[in-house]
Amino acid sequence: MPDETVLAEAYRLFVESRRVQKVVEMELAKTSAKRVSVPKDLAERVRAILEERPQIRWDDAVSCVAREVDSKPDAVERRLP
């Protein structure tokens, strides 16, 4: 078992983590009431990203599409991981 300093720091981190989790859950509850619409051309966009960057996973490509739609709905800007 670690010393008291390490134990105290771990305890603080667990408590803070739980507080952050509660805040996130409250915010998600507010936003999840709004329906998220999926782009009709999602598969096409994902395919295009995977063609450009075949080394990334398909779910990372979906994340790229979600970020571009969420940040700039009118822009076609790809931010790849």
PDB file of N, CA and C in Angstrom:
ATOM      1  N   MET A   1       0.849  -1.169   0.000  1.00  0.00           N
ATOM      2  CA  MET A   1       0.000   0.000   0.000  1.00  0.00           C
ATOM      3  C   MET A   1       0.901   1.239   0.000  1.00  0.00           C
ATOM      4  N   PRO A   2       0.519   2.282  -0.777  1.00  0.00           N
ATOM      5  CA  PRO A   2       1.344   3.495  -0.823  1.00  0.00           C
ATOM      6  C   PRO A   2       1.251   4.294   0.484  1.00  0.00           C
ATOM      7  N   ASP A   3       2.118   5.296   0.586  1.00  0.00           N
ATOM      8  CA  ASP A   3       2.112   6.123   1.797  1.00  0.00           C
ATOM      9  C   ASP A   3       0.882   7.031   1.827  1.00  0.00           C
ATOM     10  N   GLU A   4       0.708   7.747   2.943  1.00  0.00           N
ATOM     11  CA  GLU A   4      -0.497   8.562   3.145  1.00  0.00           C
ATOM     12  C   GLU A   4      -0.642   9.687   2.129  1.00  0.00           C
ATOM     13  N   THR A   5       0.458  10.228   1.663  1.00  0.00           N
ATOM     14  CA  THR A   5       0.397  11.301   0.661  1.00  0.00           C
ATOM     15  C   THR A   5      -0.212  10.785  -0.638  1.00  0.00           C
ATOM     16  N   VAL A   6       0.253   9.646  -1.074  1.00  0.00           N
ATOM     17  CA  VAL A   6      -0.266   9.043  -2.310  1.00  0.00           C
ATOM     18  C   VAL A   6      -1.725   8.634  -2.125  1.00  0.00           C
ATOM     19  N   LEU A   7      -2.042   8.057  -0.972  1.00  0.00           N
ATOM     20  CA  LEU A   7      -3.433   7.677  -0.702  1.00  0.00           C
ATOM     21  C   LEU A   7      -4.347   8.901  -0.724  1.00  0.00           C
ATOM     22  N   ALA A   8      -3.907   9.994  -0.096  1.00  0.00           N
ATOM     23  CA  ALA A   8      -4.718  11.215  -0.057  1.00  0.00           C
ATOM     24  C   ALA A   8      -4.921  11.779  -1.457  1.00  0.00           C
ATOM     25  N   GLU A   9      -3.874  11.774  -2.266  1.00  0.00           N
ATOM     26  CA  GLU A   9      -3.999  12.286  -3.639  1.00  0.00           C
ATOM     27  C   GLU A   9      -4.950  11.404  -4.450  1.00  0.00           C
ATOM     28  N   ALA A  10      -4.848  10.110  -4.302  1.00  0.00           N
ATOM     29  CA  ALA A  10      -5.759   9.203  -5.014  1.00  0.00           C
ATOM     30  C   ALA A  10      -7.196   9.452  -4.581  1.00  0.00           C
ATOM     31  N   TYR A  11      -7.410   9.641  -3.303  1.00  0.00           N
ATOM     32  CA  TYR A  11      -8.749   9.923  -2.790  1.00  0.00           C
ATOM     33  C   TYR A  11      -9.303  11.202  -3.405  1.00  0.00           C
ATOM     34  N   ARG A  12      -8.486  12.265  -3.405  1.00  0.00           N
ATOM     35  CA  ARG A  12      -8.927  13.543  -3.992  1.00  0.00           C
ATOM     36  C   ARG A  12      -9.304  13.367  -5.464  1.00  0.00           C
ATOM     37  N   LEU A  13      -8.482  12.629  -6.186  1.00  0.00           N
ATOM     38  CA  LEU A  13      -8.763  12.411  -7.607  1.00  0.00           C
ATOM     39  C   LEU A  13     -10.065  11.645  -7.815  1.00  0.00           C
ATOM     40  N   PHE A  14     -10.327  10.652  -6.987  1.00  0.00           N
ATOM     41  CA  PHE A  14     -11.581   9.903  -7.103  1.00  0.00           C
ATOM     42  C   PHE A  14     -12.789  10.775  -6.790  1.00  0.00           C
ATOM     43  N   VAL A  15     -12.677  11.605  -5.762  1.00  0.00           N
ATOM     44  CA  VAL A  15     -13.782  12.499  -5.412  1.00  0.00           C
ATOM     45  C   VAL A  15     -14.013  13.521  -6.526  1.00  0.00           C
ATOM     46  N   GLU A  16     -12.934  14.127  -7.024  1.00  0.00           N
ATOM     47  CA  GLU A  16     -13.069  15.104  -8.102  1.00  0.00           C
ATOM     48  C   GLU A  16     -13.629  14.458  -9.359  1.00  0.00           C
ATOM     49  N   SER A  17     -13.187  13.254  -9.648  1.00  0.00           N
ATOM     50  CA  SER A  17     -13.683  12.536 -10.821  1.00  0.00           C
ATOM     51  C   SER A  17     -15.185  12.310 -10.721  1.00  0.00           C
ATOM     52  N   ARG A  18     -15.646  11.944  -9.554  1.00  0.00           N
ATOM     53  CA  ARG A  18     -17.085  11.723  -9.357  1.00  0.00           C
ATOM     54  C   ARG A  18     -17.861  13.017  -9.536  1.00  0.00           C
ATOM     55  N   ARG A  19     -17.308  14.131  -9.041  1.00  0.00           N
ATOM     56  CA  ARG A  19     -17.974  15.430  -9.208  1.00  0.00           C
ATOM     57  C   ARG A  19     -18.065  15.807 -10.682  1.00  0.00           C
ATOM     58  N   VAL A  20     -16.979  15.597 -11.393  1.00  0.00           N
ATOM     59  CA  VAL A  20     -16.982  15.900 -12.824  1.00  0.00           C
ATOM     60  C   VAL A  20     -17.987  15.013 -13.539  1.00  0.00           C
ATOM     61  N   GLN A  21     -18.037  13.749 -13.173  1.00  0.00           N
ATOM     62  CA  GLN A  21     -18.989  12.826 -13.795  1.00  0.00           C
ATOM     63  C   GLN A  21     -20.419  13.294 -13.588  1.00  0.00           C
ATOM     64  N   LYS A  22     -20.746  13.798 -12.405  1.00  0.00           N
ATOM     65  CA  LYS A  22     -22.101  14.296 -12.136  1.00  0.00           C
ATOM     66  C   LYS A  22     -22.423  15.500 -13.017  1.00  0.00           C
ATOM     67  N   VAL A  23     -21.458  16.410 -13.170  1.00  0.00           N
ATOM     68  CA  VAL A  23     -21.675  17.587 -14.017  1.00  0.00           C
ATOM     69  C   VAL A  23     -21.905  17.150 -15.466  1.00  0.00           C
ATOM     70  N   VAL A  24     -21.093  16.234 -15.934  1.00  0.00           N
ATOM     71  CA  VAL A  24     -21.233  15.738 -17.308  1.00  0.00           C
ATOM     72  C   VAL A  24     -22.598  15.075 -17.492  1.00  0.00           C
ATOM     73  N   GLU A  25     -23.001  14.268 -16.537  1.00  0.00           N
ATOM     74  CA  GLU A  25     -24.302  13.607 -16.633  1.00  0.00           C
ATOM     75  C   GLU A  25     -25.446  14.619 -16.689  1.00  0.00           C
ATOM     76  N   MET A  26     -25.355  15.695 -15.890  1.00  0.00           N
ATOM     77  CA  MET A  26     -26.405  16.723 -15.910  1.00  0.00           C
ATOM     78  C   MET A  26     -26.440  17.437 -17.262  1.00  0.00           C
ATOM     79  N   GLU A  27     -25.270  17.755 -17.804  1.00  0.00           N
ATOM     80  CA  GLU A  27     -25.221  18.430 -19.102  1.00  0.00           C
ATOM     81  C   GLU A  27     -25.718  17.516 -20.218  1.00  0.00           C
ATOM     82  N   LEU A  28     -25.348  16.255 -20.164  1.00  0.00           N
ATOM     83  CA  LEU A  28     -25.829  15.309 -21.168  1.00  0.00           C
ATOM     84  C   LEU A  28     -27.341  15.153 -21.105  1.00  0.00           C
ATOM     85  N   ALA A  29     -27.882  15.175 -19.917  1.00  0.00           N
ATOM     86  CA  ALA A  29     -29.338  15.072 -19.772  1.00  0.00           C
ATOM     87  C   ALA A  29     -30.020  16.250 -20.449  1.00  0.00           C
ATOM     88  N   LYS A  30     -29.417  17.424 -20.375  1.00  0.00           N
ATOM     89  CA  LYS A  30     -29.982  18.614 -21.033  1.00  0.00           C
ATOM     90  C   LYS A  30     -29.919  18.477 -22.550  1.00  0.00           C
ATOM     91  N   THR A  31     -28.769  18.059 -23.066  1.00  0.00           N
ATOM     92  CA  THR A  31     -28.586  18.020 -24.516  1.00  0.00           C
ATOM     93  C   THR A  31     -29.178  16.788 -25.159  1.00  0.00           C
ATOM     94  N   SER A  32     -29.304  15.688 -24.414  1.00  0.00           N
ATOM     95  CA  SER A  32     -29.838  14.487 -25.043  1.00  0.00           C
ATOM     96  C   SER A  32     -31.322  14.632 -25.344  1.00  0.00           C
ATOM     97  N   ALA A  33     -31.948  15.645 -24.771  1.00  0.00           N
ATOM     98  CA  ALA A  33     -33.347  15.914 -25.108  1.00  0.00           C
ATOM     99  C   ALA A  33     -33.457  16.389 -26.554  1.00  0.00           C
ATOM    100  N   LYS A  34     -32.392  16.991 -27.037  1.00  0.00           N
ATOM    101  CA  LYS A  34     -32.362  17.430 -28.436  1.00  0.00           C
ATOM    102  C   LYS A  34     -31.932  16.245 -29.287  1.00  0.00           C
ATOM    103  N   ARG A  35     -32.700  15.965 -30.274  1.00  0.00           N
ATOM    104  CA  ARG A  35     -32.390  14.827 -31.132  1.00  0.00           C
ATOM    105  C   ARG A  35     -31.195  15.137 -32.032  1.00  0.00           C
ATOM    106  N   VAL A  36     -30.306  14.188 -32.153  1.00  0.00           N
ATOM    107  CA  VAL A  36     -29.142  14.317 -33.023  1.00  0.00           C
ATOM    108  C   VAL A  36     -29.505  13.730 -34.375  1.00  0.00           C
ATOM    109  N   SER A  37     -29.423  14.552 -35.407  1.00  0.00           N
ATOM    110  CA  SER A  37     -29.725  14.035 -36.736  1.00  0.00           C
ATOM    111  C   SER A  37     -28.441  13.547 -37.396  1.00  0.00           C
ATOM    112  N   VAL A  38     -28.547  12.409 -38.036  1.00  0.00           N
ATOM    113  CA  VAL A  38     -27.412  11.782 -38.696  1.00  0.00           C
ATOM    114  C   VAL A  38     -27.389  12.250 -40.149  1.00  0.00           C
ATOM    115  N   PRO A  39     -26.221  12.707 -40.632  1.00  0.00           N
ATOM    116  CA  PRO A  39     -26.144  13.142 -42.032  1.00  0.00           C
ATOM    117  C   PRO A  39     -26.533  12.004 -42.971  1.00  0.00           C
ATOM    118  N   LYS A  40     -27.314  12.343 -43.977  1.00  0.00           N
ATOM    119  CA  LYS A  40     -27.755  11.322 -44.938  1.00  0.00           C
ATOM    120  C   LYS A  40     -26.585  10.710 -45.689  1.00  0.00           C
ATOM    121  N   ASP A  41     -25.510  11.486 -45.840  1.00  0.00           N
ATOM    122  CA  ASP A  41     -24.348  11.003 -46.578  1.00  0.00           C
ATOM    123  C   ASP A  41     -23.225  10.532 -45.648  1.00  0.00           C
ATOM    124  N   LEU A  42     -23.581  10.076 -44.451  1.00  0.00           N
ATOM    125  CA  LEU A  42     -22.574   9.660 -43.477  1.00  0.00           C
ATOM    126  C   LEU A  42     -21.648   8.587 -44.037  1.00  0.00           C
ATOM    127  N   ALA A  43     -22.213   7.547 -44.613  1.00  0.00           N
ATOM    128  CA  ALA A  43     -21.391   6.452 -45.150  1.00  0.00           C
ATOM    129  C   ALA A  43     -20.437   6.969 -46.227  1.00  0.00           C
ATOM    130  N   GLU A  44     -20.930   7.857 -47.072  1.00  0.00           N
ATOM    131  CA  GLU A  44     -20.096   8.429 -48.128  1.00  0.00           C
ATOM    132  C   GLU A  44     -18.934   9.232 -47.529  1.00  0.00           C
ATOM    133  N   ARG A  45     -19.237  10.030 -46.511  1.00  0.00           N
ATOM    134  CA  ARG A  45     -18.193  10.828 -45.858  1.00  0.00           C
ATOM    135  C   ARG A  45     -17.152   9.947 -45.188  1.00  0.00           C
ATOM    136  N   VAL A  46     -17.627   8.922 -44.487  1.00  0.00           N
ATOM    137  CA  VAL A  46     -16.706   8.008 -43.808  1.00  0.00           C
ATOM    138  C   VAL A  46     -15.829   7.307 -44.828  1.00  0.00           C
ATOM    139  N   ARG A  47     -16.428   6.847 -45.900  1.00  0.00           N
ATOM    140  CA  ARG A  47     -15.673   6.177 -46.964  1.00  0.00           C
ATOM    141  C   ARG A  47     -14.601   7.097 -47.536  1.00  0.00           C
ATOM    142  N   ALA A  48     -14.945   8.368 -47.757  1.00  0.00           N
ATOM    143  CA  ALA A  48     -13.986   9.327 -48.311  1.00  0.00           C
ATOM    144  C   ALA A  48     -12.810   9.545 -47.362  1.00  0.00           C
ATOM    145  N   ILE A  49     -13.100   9.646 -46.082  1.00  0.00           N
ATOM    146  CA  ILE A  49     -12.023   9.819 -45.106  1.00  0.00           C
ATOM    147  C   ILE A  49     -11.131   8.581 -45.083  1.00  0.00           C
ATOM    148  N   LEU A  50     -11.734   7.398 -45.101  1.00  0.00           N
ATOM    149  CA  LEU A  50     -10.951   6.165 -45.078  1.00  0.00           C
ATOM    150  C   LEU A  50     -10.116   5.990 -46.337  1.00  0.00           C
ATOM    151  N   GLU A  51     -10.606   6.502 -47.459  1.00  0.00           N
ATOM    152  CA  GLU A  51      -9.810   6.449 -48.684  1.00  0.00           C
ATOM    153  C   GLU A  51      -8.587   7.355 -48.574  1.00  0.00           C
ATOM    154  N   GLU A  52      -8.782   8.527 -47.945  1.00  0.00           N
ATOM    155  CA  GLU A  52      -7.667   9.464 -47.753  1.00  0.00           C
ATOM    156  C   GLU A  52      -6.677   8.965 -46.712  1.00  0.00           C
ATOM    157  N   ARG A  53      -7.196   8.336 -45.669  1.00  0.00           N
ATOM    158  CA  ARG A  53      -6.379   7.901 -44.531  1.00  0.00           C
ATOM    159  C   ARG A  53      -6.731   6.454 -44.170  1.00  0.00           C
ATOM    160  N   PRO A  54      -6.332   5.488 -44.966  1.00  0.00           N
ATOM    161  CA  PRO A  54      -6.715   4.097 -44.718  1.00  0.00           C
ATOM    162  C   PRO A  54      -6.182   3.520 -43.412  1.00  0.00           C
ATOM    163  N   GLN A  55      -5.216   4.183 -42.810  1.00  0.00           N
ATOM    164  CA  GLN A  55      -4.649   3.671 -41.565  1.00  0.00           C
ATOM    165  C   GLN A  55      -5.527   3.950 -40.343  1.00  0.00           C
ATOM    166  N   ILE A  56      -6.511   4.850 -40.474  1.00  0.00           N
ATOM    167  CA  ILE A  56      -7.347   5.132 -39.310  1.00  0.00           C
ATOM    168  C   ILE A  56      -8.523   4.166 -39.259  1.00  0.00           C
ATOM    169  N   ARG A  57      -9.080   4.017 -38.063  1.00  0.00           N
ATOM    170  CA  ARG A  57     -10.222   3.126 -37.876  1.00  0.00           C
ATOM    171  C   ARG A  57     -11.495   3.807 -38.379  1.00  0.00           C
ATOM    172  N   TRP A  58     -12.481   2.992 -38.727  1.00  0.00           N
ATOM    173  CA  TRP A  58     -13.735   3.531 -39.253  1.00  0.00           C
ATOM    174  C   TRP A  58     -14.435   4.404 -38.213  1.00  0.00           C
ATOM    175  N   ASP A  59     -14.356   4.037 -36.923  1.00  0.00           N
ATOM    176  CA  ASP A  59     -15.032   4.834 -35.912  1.00  0.00           C
ATOM    177  C   ASP A  59     -14.342   6.182 -35.694  1.00  0.00           C
ATOM    178  N   ASP A  60     -13.026   6.246 -35.955  1.00  0.00           N
ATOM    179  CA  ASP A  60     -12.345   7.543 -35.924  1.00  0.00           C
ATOM    180  C   ASP A  60     -12.826   8.422 -37.076  1.00  0.00           C
ATOM    181  N   ALA A  61     -13.111   7.804 -38.209  1.00  0.00           N
ATOM    182  CA  ALA A  61     -13.639   8.555 -39.347  1.00  0.00           C
ATOM    183  C   ALA A  61     -15.036   9.092 -39.022  1.00  0.00           C
ATOM    184  N   VAL A  62     -15.856   8.288 -38.352  1.00  0.00           N
ATOM    185  CA  VAL A  62     -17.185   8.752 -37.932  1.00  0.00           C
ATOM    186  C   VAL A  62     -17.029   9.928 -36.972  1.00  0.00           C
ATOM    187  N   SER A  63     -16.071   9.835 -36.062  1.00  0.00           N
ATOM    188  CA  SER A  63     -15.801  10.922 -35.121  1.00  0.00           C
ATOM    189  C   SER A  63     -15.412  12.198 -35.859  1.00  0.00           C
ATOM    190  N   CYS A  64     -14.616  12.076 -36.903  1.00  0.00           N
ATOM    191  CA  CYS A  64     -14.230  13.242 -37.716  1.00  0.00           C
ATOM    192  C   CYS A  64     -15.455  13.913 -38.326  1.00  0.00           C
ATOM    193  N   VAL A  65     -16.346  13.124 -38.862  1.00  0.00           N
ATOM    194  CA  VAL A  65     -17.567  13.661 -39.462  1.00  0.00           C
ATOM    195  C   VAL A  65     -18.403  14.357 -38.385  1.00  0.00           C
ATOM    196  N   ALA A  66     -18.536  13.727 -37.237  1.00  0.00           N
ATOM    197  CA  ALA A  66     -19.328  14.312 -36.157  1.00  0.00           C
ATOM    198  C   ALA A  66     -18.742  15.651 -35.712  1.00  0.00           C
ATOM    199  N   ARG A  67     -17.419  15.724 -35.604  1.00  0.00           N
ATOM    200  CA  ARG A  67     -16.781  16.983 -35.203  1.00  0.00           C
ATOM    201  C   ARG A  67     -16.994  18.064 -36.242  1.00  0.00           C
ATOM    202  N   GLU A  68     -16.878  17.717 -37.517  1.00  0.00           N
ATOM    203  CA  GLU A  68     -17.035  18.753 -38.535  1.00  0.00           C
ATOM    204  C   GLU A  68     -18.478  19.239 -38.599  1.00  0.00           C
ATOM    205  N   VAL A  69     -19.425  18.344 -38.444  1.00  0.00           N
ATOM    206  CA  VAL A  69     -20.837  18.735 -38.476  1.00  0.00           C
ATOM    207  C   VAL A  69     -21.185  19.545 -37.234  1.00  0.00           C
ATOM    208  N   ASP A  70     -20.669  19.130 -36.087  1.00  0.00           N
ATOM    209  CA  ASP A  70     -20.987  19.800 -34.833  1.00  0.00           C
ATOM    210  C   ASP A  70     -20.353  21.182 -34.743  1.00  0.00           C
ATOM    211  N   SER A  71     -19.156  21.341 -35.282  1.00  0.00           N
ATOM    212  CA  SER A  71     -18.473  22.623 -35.147  1.00  0.00           C
ATOM    213  C   SER A  71     -18.831  23.614 -36.253  1.00  0.00           C
ATOM    214  N   LYS A  72     -18.933  23.138 -37.479  1.00  0.00           N
ATOM    215  CA  LYS A  72     -19.237  24.018 -38.603  1.00  0.00           C
ATOM    216  C   LYS A  72     -20.181  23.302 -39.559  1.00  0.00           C
ATOM    217  N   PRO A  73     -21.479  23.394 -39.326  1.00  0.00           N
ATOM    218  CA  PRO A  73     -22.421  22.640 -40.153  1.00  0.00           C
ATOM    219  C   PRO A  73     -22.338  22.961 -41.646  1.00  0.00           C
ATOM    220  N   ASP A  74     -21.900  24.162 -41.985  1.00  0.00           N
ATOM    221  CA  ASP A  74     -21.848  24.543 -43.392  1.00  0.00           C
ATOM    222  C   ASP A  74     -20.488  24.316 -44.034  1.00  0.00           C
ATOM    223  N   ALA A  75     -19.495  23.965 -43.244  1.00  0.00           N
ATOM    224  CA  ALA A  75     -18.141  23.819 -43.785  1.00  0.00           C
ATOM    225  C   ALA A  75     -17.789  22.360 -43.985  1.00  0.00           C
ATOM    226  N   VAL A  76     -16.933  22.118 -44.933  1.00  0.00           N
ATOM    227  CA  VAL A  76     -16.397  20.775 -45.133  1.00  0.00           C
ATOM    228  C   VAL A  76     -14.937  20.857 -44.712  1.00  0.00           C
ATOM    229  N   GLU A  77     -14.720  20.554 -43.449  1.00  0.00           N
ATOM    230  CA  GLU A  77     -13.379  20.635 -42.883  1.00  0.00           C
ATOM    231  C   GLU A  77     -13.135  19.357 -42.132  1.00  0.00           C
ATOM    232  N   ARG A  78     -12.114  18.637 -42.497  1.00  0.00           N
ATOM    233  CA  ARG A  78     -11.826  17.356 -41.850  1.00  0.00           C
ATOM    234  C   ARG A  78     -10.650  17.513 -40.910  1.00  0.00           C
ATOM    235  N   ARG A  79     -10.900  17.218 -39.651  1.00  0.00           N
ATOM    236  CA  ARG A  79      -9.824  17.204 -38.663  1.00  0.00           C
ATOM    237  C   ARG A  79      -9.596  15.771 -38.278  1.00  0.00           C
ATOM    238  N   LEU A  80      -8.548  15.182 -38.792  1.00  0.00           N
ATOM    239  CA  LEU A  80      -8.279  13.776 -38.568  1.00  0.00           C
ATOM    240  C   LEU A  80      -7.399  13.597 -37.332  1.00  0.00           C
ATOM    241  N   PRO A  81      -7.596  12.468 -36.647  1.00  0.00           N
ATOM    242  CA  PRO A  81      -6.785  12.215 -35.441  1.00  0.00           C
ATOM    243  C   PRO A  81      -5.331  11.986 -35.786  1.00  0.00           C
TER     244      PRO A  81
END
